[in-house]
Protein backbone atom coordinates (compact mmCIF):
# COMPACT_ATOMS: atom_id res chain seq x y z
CA UNK A 1 0.00 0.00 0.00
CA UNK A 2 2.79 2.43 0.89
CA UNK A 3 5.89 2.56 -1.25
CA UNK A 4 7.58 5.23 0.78
CA UNK A 5 8.24 4.82 4.50
CA UNK A 6 8.41 8.57 5.01
CA UNK A 7 5.03 9.19 3.40
CA UNK A 8 3.52 6.61 5.76
CA UNK A 9 5.29 8.30 8.67
CA UNK A 10 3.88 11.70 7.64
CA UNK A 11 0.36 10.33 7.31
CA UNK A 12 0.51 8.65 10.73
CA UNK A 13 1.94 11.80 12.32
CA UNK A 14 -0.86 13.87 10.80
CA UNK A 15 -3.43 11.46 12.20
CA UNK A 16 -1.84 11.43 15.65
CA UNK A 17 -1.74 15.23 15.80
CA UNK A 18 -5.33 15.49 14.53
CA UNK A 19 -6.52 12.96 17.09
CA UNK A 20 -4.76 14.76 19.91
CA UNK A 21 -6.14 18.11 18.77
CA UNK A 22 -9.69 16.73 18.57
CA UNK A 23 -9.65 15.63 22.19
CA UNK A 24 -7.93 12.27 22.13
CA UNK A 25 -4.94 13.56 24.06
CA UNK A 26 -3.38 10.14 24.49
CA UNK A 27 -2.64 10.08 20.76
CA UNK A 28 0.11 12.62 21.33
CA UNK A 29 2.02 9.77 22.97
CA UNK A 30 2.07 8.00 19.60
CA UNK A 31 4.02 10.86 18.03
CA UNK A 32 7.38 9.83 19.52
CA UNK A 33 6.73 6.20 18.66
CA UNK A 34 5.93 7.13 15.05
CA UNK A 35 8.90 9.50 14.80
CA UNK A 36 11.37 6.84 15.98
CA UNK A 37 9.84 3.78 14.27
CA UNK A 38 11.57 1.84 11.53
CA UNK A 39 9.66 0.71 8.44
CA UNK A 40 8.42 -2.51 10.04
CA UNK A 41 7.22 -0.72 13.18
CA UNK A 42 5.43 1.88 11.05
CA UNK A 43 3.55 -0.92 9.30
CA UNK A 44 2.39 -2.21 12.70
CA UNK A 45 1.31 1.26 13.82
CA UNK A 46 -0.58 1.68 10.54
CA UNK A 47 -2.45 -1.56 11.27
CA UNK A 48 -3.37 -0.25 14.72
CA UNK A 49 -4.69 2.91 13.09
CA UNK A 50 -6.73 0.79 10.65
CA UNK A 51 -4.64 1.77 7.64
CA UNK A 52 -3.85 -1.77 6.53
C-alpha atoms as a PDB file:
ATOM      1  CA  UNK A   1       0.000   0.000   0.000  1.00  0.00           C
ATOM      2  CA  UNK A   2       2.788   2.428   0.893  1.00  0.00           C
ATOM      3  CA  UNK A   3       5.891   2.555  -1.254  1.00  0.00           C
ATOM      4  CA  UNK A   4       7.585   5.225   0.781  1.00  0.00           C
ATOM      5  CA  UNK A   5       8.235   4.822   4.498  1.00  0.00           C
ATOM      6  CA  UNK A   6       8.410   8.572   5.008  1.00  0.00           C
ATOM      7  CA  UNK A   7       5.025   9.188   3.396  1.00  0.00           C
ATOM      8  CA  UNK A   8       3.522   6.608   5.760  1.00  0.00           C
ATOM      9  CA  UNK A   9       5.288   8.296   8.672  1.00  0.00           C
ATOM     10  CA  UNK A  10       3.877  11.705   7.637  1.00  0.00           C
ATOM     11  CA  UNK A  11       0.355  10.327   7.308  1.00  0.00           C
ATOM     12  CA  UNK A  12       0.510   8.648  10.729  1.00  0.00           C
ATOM     13  CA  UNK A  13       1.942  11.796  12.319  1.00  0.00           C
ATOM     14  CA  UNK A  14      -0.862  13.874  10.797  1.00  0.00           C
ATOM     15  CA  UNK A  15      -3.426  11.464  12.198  1.00  0.00           C
ATOM     16  CA  UNK A  16      -1.841  11.426  15.649  1.00  0.00           C
ATOM     17  CA  UNK A  17      -1.744  15.230  15.799  1.00  0.00           C
ATOM     18  CA  UNK A  18      -5.331  15.492  14.526  1.00  0.00           C
ATOM     19  CA  UNK A  19      -6.524  12.965  17.090  1.00  0.00           C
ATOM     20  CA  UNK A  20      -4.756  14.761  19.910  1.00  0.00           C
ATOM     21  CA  UNK A  21      -6.143  18.110  18.767  1.00  0.00           C
ATOM     22  CA  UNK A  22      -9.686  16.734  18.574  1.00  0.00           C
ATOM     23  CA  UNK A  23      -9.650  15.631  22.192  1.00  0.00           C
ATOM     24  CA  UNK A  24      -7.930  12.265  22.130  1.00  0.00           C
ATOM     25  CA  UNK A  25      -4.936  13.564  24.062  1.00  0.00           C
ATOM     26  CA  UNK A  26      -3.382  10.136  24.490  1.00  0.00           C
ATOM     27  CA  UNK A  27      -2.640  10.084  20.759  1.00  0.00           C
ATOM     28  CA  UNK A  28       0.114  12.621  21.328  1.00  0.00           C
ATOM     29  CA  UNK A  29       2.016   9.769  22.967  1.00  0.00           C
ATOM     30  CA  UNK A  30       2.069   8.001  19.598  1.00  0.00           C
ATOM     31  CA  UNK A  31       4.021  10.863  18.028  1.00  0.00           C
ATOM     32  CA  UNK A  32       7.380   9.827  19.518  1.00  0.00           C
ATOM     33  CA  UNK A  33       6.726   6.199  18.659  1.00  0.00           C
ATOM     34  CA  UNK A  34       5.929   7.133  15.051  1.00  0.00           C
ATOM     35  CA  UNK A  35       8.895   9.502  14.803  1.00  0.00           C
ATOM     36  CA  UNK A  36      11.367   6.838  15.975  1.00  0.00           C
ATOM     37  CA  UNK A  37       9.838   3.783  14.266  1.00  0.00           C
ATOM     38  CA  UNK A  38      11.571   1.841  11.534  1.00  0.00           C
ATOM     39  CA  UNK A  39       9.660   0.708   8.442  1.00  0.00           C
ATOM     40  CA  UNK A  40       8.417  -2.509  10.039  1.00  0.00           C
ATOM     41  CA  UNK A  41       7.223  -0.719  13.182  1.00  0.00           C
ATOM     42  CA  UNK A  42       5.427   1.880  11.048  1.00  0.00           C
ATOM     43  CA  UNK A  43       3.547  -0.916   9.303  1.00  0.00           C
ATOM     44  CA  UNK A  44       2.394  -2.214  12.702  1.00  0.00           C
ATOM     45  CA  UNK A  45       1.314   1.265  13.820  1.00  0.00           C
ATOM     46  CA  UNK A  46      -0.577   1.675  10.536  1.00  0.00           C
ATOM     47  CA  UNK A  47      -2.451  -1.564  11.270  1.00  0.00           C
ATOM     48  CA  UNK A  48      -3.373  -0.255  14.720  1.00  0.00           C
ATOM     49  CA  UNK A  49      -4.694   2.911  13.095  1.00  0.00           C
ATOM     50  CA  UNK A  50      -6.733   0.792  10.652  1.00  0.00           C
ATOM     51  CA  UNK A  51      -4.641   1.774   7.636  1.00  0.00           C
ATOM     52  CA  UNK A  52      -3.850  -1.773   6.527  1.00  0.00           C
END
